C-alpha atoms as a PDB file:
ATOM      1  CA  MET A   1      24.798  -1.763 -22.384  1.00  0.00           C
ATOM      2  CA  ILE A   2      24.247  -4.098 -25.338  1.00  0.00           C
ATOM      3  CA  LYS A   3      25.829  -6.973 -23.370  1.00  0.00           C
ATOM      4  CA  ASP A   4      23.415  -6.310 -20.511  1.00  0.00           C
ATOM      5  CA  LEU A   5      20.463  -6.269 -22.903  1.00  0.00           C
ATOM      6  CA  LEU A   6      21.591  -9.534 -24.525  1.00  0.00           C
ATOM      7  CA  ARG A   7      22.041 -11.128 -21.090  1.00  0.00           C
ATOM      8  CA  LYS A   8      18.511 -10.093 -20.050  1.00  0.00           C
ATOM      9  CA  LEU A   9      17.095 -11.402 -23.328  1.00  0.00           C
ATOM     10  CA  LYS A  10      18.909 -14.708 -22.849  1.00  0.00           C
ATOM     11  CA  GLU A  11      17.566 -15.017 -19.272  1.00  0.00           C
ATOM     12  CA  PHE A  12      14.053 -14.209 -20.481  1.00  0.00           C
ATOM     13  CA  THR A  13      14.113 -16.885 -23.186  1.00  0.00           C
ATOM     14  CA  LYS A  14      15.535 -19.380 -20.668  1.00  0.00           C
ATOM     15  CA  GLU A  15      12.644 -18.626 -18.273  1.00  0.00           C
ATOM     16  CA  CYS A  16      10.092 -18.916 -21.098  1.00  0.00           C
ATOM     17  CA  LYS A  17      11.445 -22.344 -22.040  1.00  0.00           C
ATOM     18  CA  ARG A  18      11.287 -23.444 -18.399  1.00  0.00           C
ATOM     19  CA  VAL A  19       7.666 -22.331 -18.058  1.00  0.00           C
ATOM     20  CA  LEU A  20       6.664 -24.060 -21.292  1.00  0.00           C
ATOM     21  CA  ARG A  21       8.246 -27.327 -20.107  1.00  0.00           C
ATOM     22  CA  VAL A  22       6.246 -27.225 -16.858  1.00  0.00           C
ATOM     23  CA  THR A  23       2.868 -26.339 -18.359  1.00  0.00           C
ATOM     24  CA  ARG A  24       0.377 -28.908 -19.553  1.00  0.00           C
ATOM     25  CA  LYS A  25      -2.973 -28.983 -21.302  1.00  0.00           C
ATOM     26  CA  PRO A  26      -5.896 -28.812 -18.837  1.00  0.00           C
ATOM     27  CA  THR A  27      -8.337 -31.708 -18.574  1.00  0.00           C
ATOM     28  CA  LYS A  28     -11.930 -31.241 -19.716  1.00  0.00           C
ATOM     29  CA  GLU A  29     -13.062 -30.857 -16.107  1.00  0.00           C
ATOM     30  CA  GLU A  30     -10.419 -28.222 -15.349  1.00  0.00           C
ATOM     31  CA  PHE A  31     -11.329 -26.337 -18.512  1.00  0.00           C
ATOM     32  CA  LYS A  32     -15.048 -26.380 -17.618  1.00  0.00           C
ATOM     33  CA  ASN A  33     -14.262 -25.034 -14.144  1.00  0.00           C
ATOM     34  CA  ILE A  34     -12.098 -22.253 -15.584  1.00  0.00           C
ATOM     35  CA  VAL A  35     -14.878 -21.263 -18.004  1.00  0.00           C
ATOM     36  CA  LYS A  36     -17.494 -21.276 -15.213  1.00  0.00           C
ATOM     37  CA  VAL A  37     -15.401 -19.158 -12.857  1.00  0.00           C
ATOM     38  CA  SER A  38     -14.520 -16.698 -15.639  1.00  0.00           C
ATOM     39  CA  ALA A  39     -18.174 -16.375 -16.685  1.00  0.00           C
ATOM     40  CA  ILE A  40     -19.270 -15.762 -13.093  1.00  0.00           C
ATOM     41  CA  GLY A  41     -16.569 -13.098 -12.697  1.00  0.00           C
ATOM     42  CA  ILE A  42     -17.596 -11.332 -15.912  1.00  0.00           C
ATOM     43  CA  LEU A  43     -21.257 -11.408 -14.902  1.00  0.00           C
ATOM     44  CA  LEU A  44     -20.493 -10.037 -11.427  1.00  0.00           C
ATOM     45  CA  ILE A  45     -18.406  -7.184 -12.803  1.00  0.00           C
ATOM     46  CA  GLY A  46     -21.142  -6.385 -15.340  1.00  0.00           C
ATOM     47  CA  LEU A  47     -23.817  -6.491 -12.636  1.00  0.00           C
ATOM     48  CA  ILE A  48     -21.830  -4.177 -10.381  1.00  0.00           C
ATOM     49  CA  GLY A  49     -21.328  -1.743 -13.265  1.00  0.00           C
ATOM     50  CA  PHE A  50     -25.026  -1.888 -14.122  1.00  0.00           C
ATOM     51  CA  ILE A  51     -26.046  -1.217 -10.516  1.00  0.00           C
ATOM     52  CA  ILE A  52     -23.655   1.732 -10.243  1.00  0.00           C
ATOM     53  CA  GLN A  53     -24.910   3.209 -13.523  1.00  0.00           C
ATOM     54  CA  PHE A  54     -28.536   2.650 -12.501  1.00  0.00           C
ATOM     55  CA  MET A  55     -27.968   4.344  -9.132  1.00  0.00           C
ATOM     56  CA  ARG A  56     -26.293   7.315 -10.828  1.00  0.00           C
ATOM     57  CA  GLN A  57     -29.268   7.783 -13.151  1.00  0.00           C
ATOM     58  CA  VAL A  58     -31.853   7.414 -10.385  1.00  0.00           C
ATOM     59  CA  PHE A  59     -30.215   9.643  -7.791  1.00  0.00           C
ATOM     60  CA  LEU A  60     -28.509  12.283  -9.935  1.00  0.00           C
END
């Protein structure tokens, strides 16, 4: 059981190292696009929640 846990931990750290080697810092343009898309998503989710809450108050 402990050997299995150690093996899984070793595999996990190996995968983490592999992912960190592949990743890179985004360019300014990529970062701006990520921020824009995230902001639009947050606003849409907030708007949907507001509309649902508004409808509940109006109709119930």
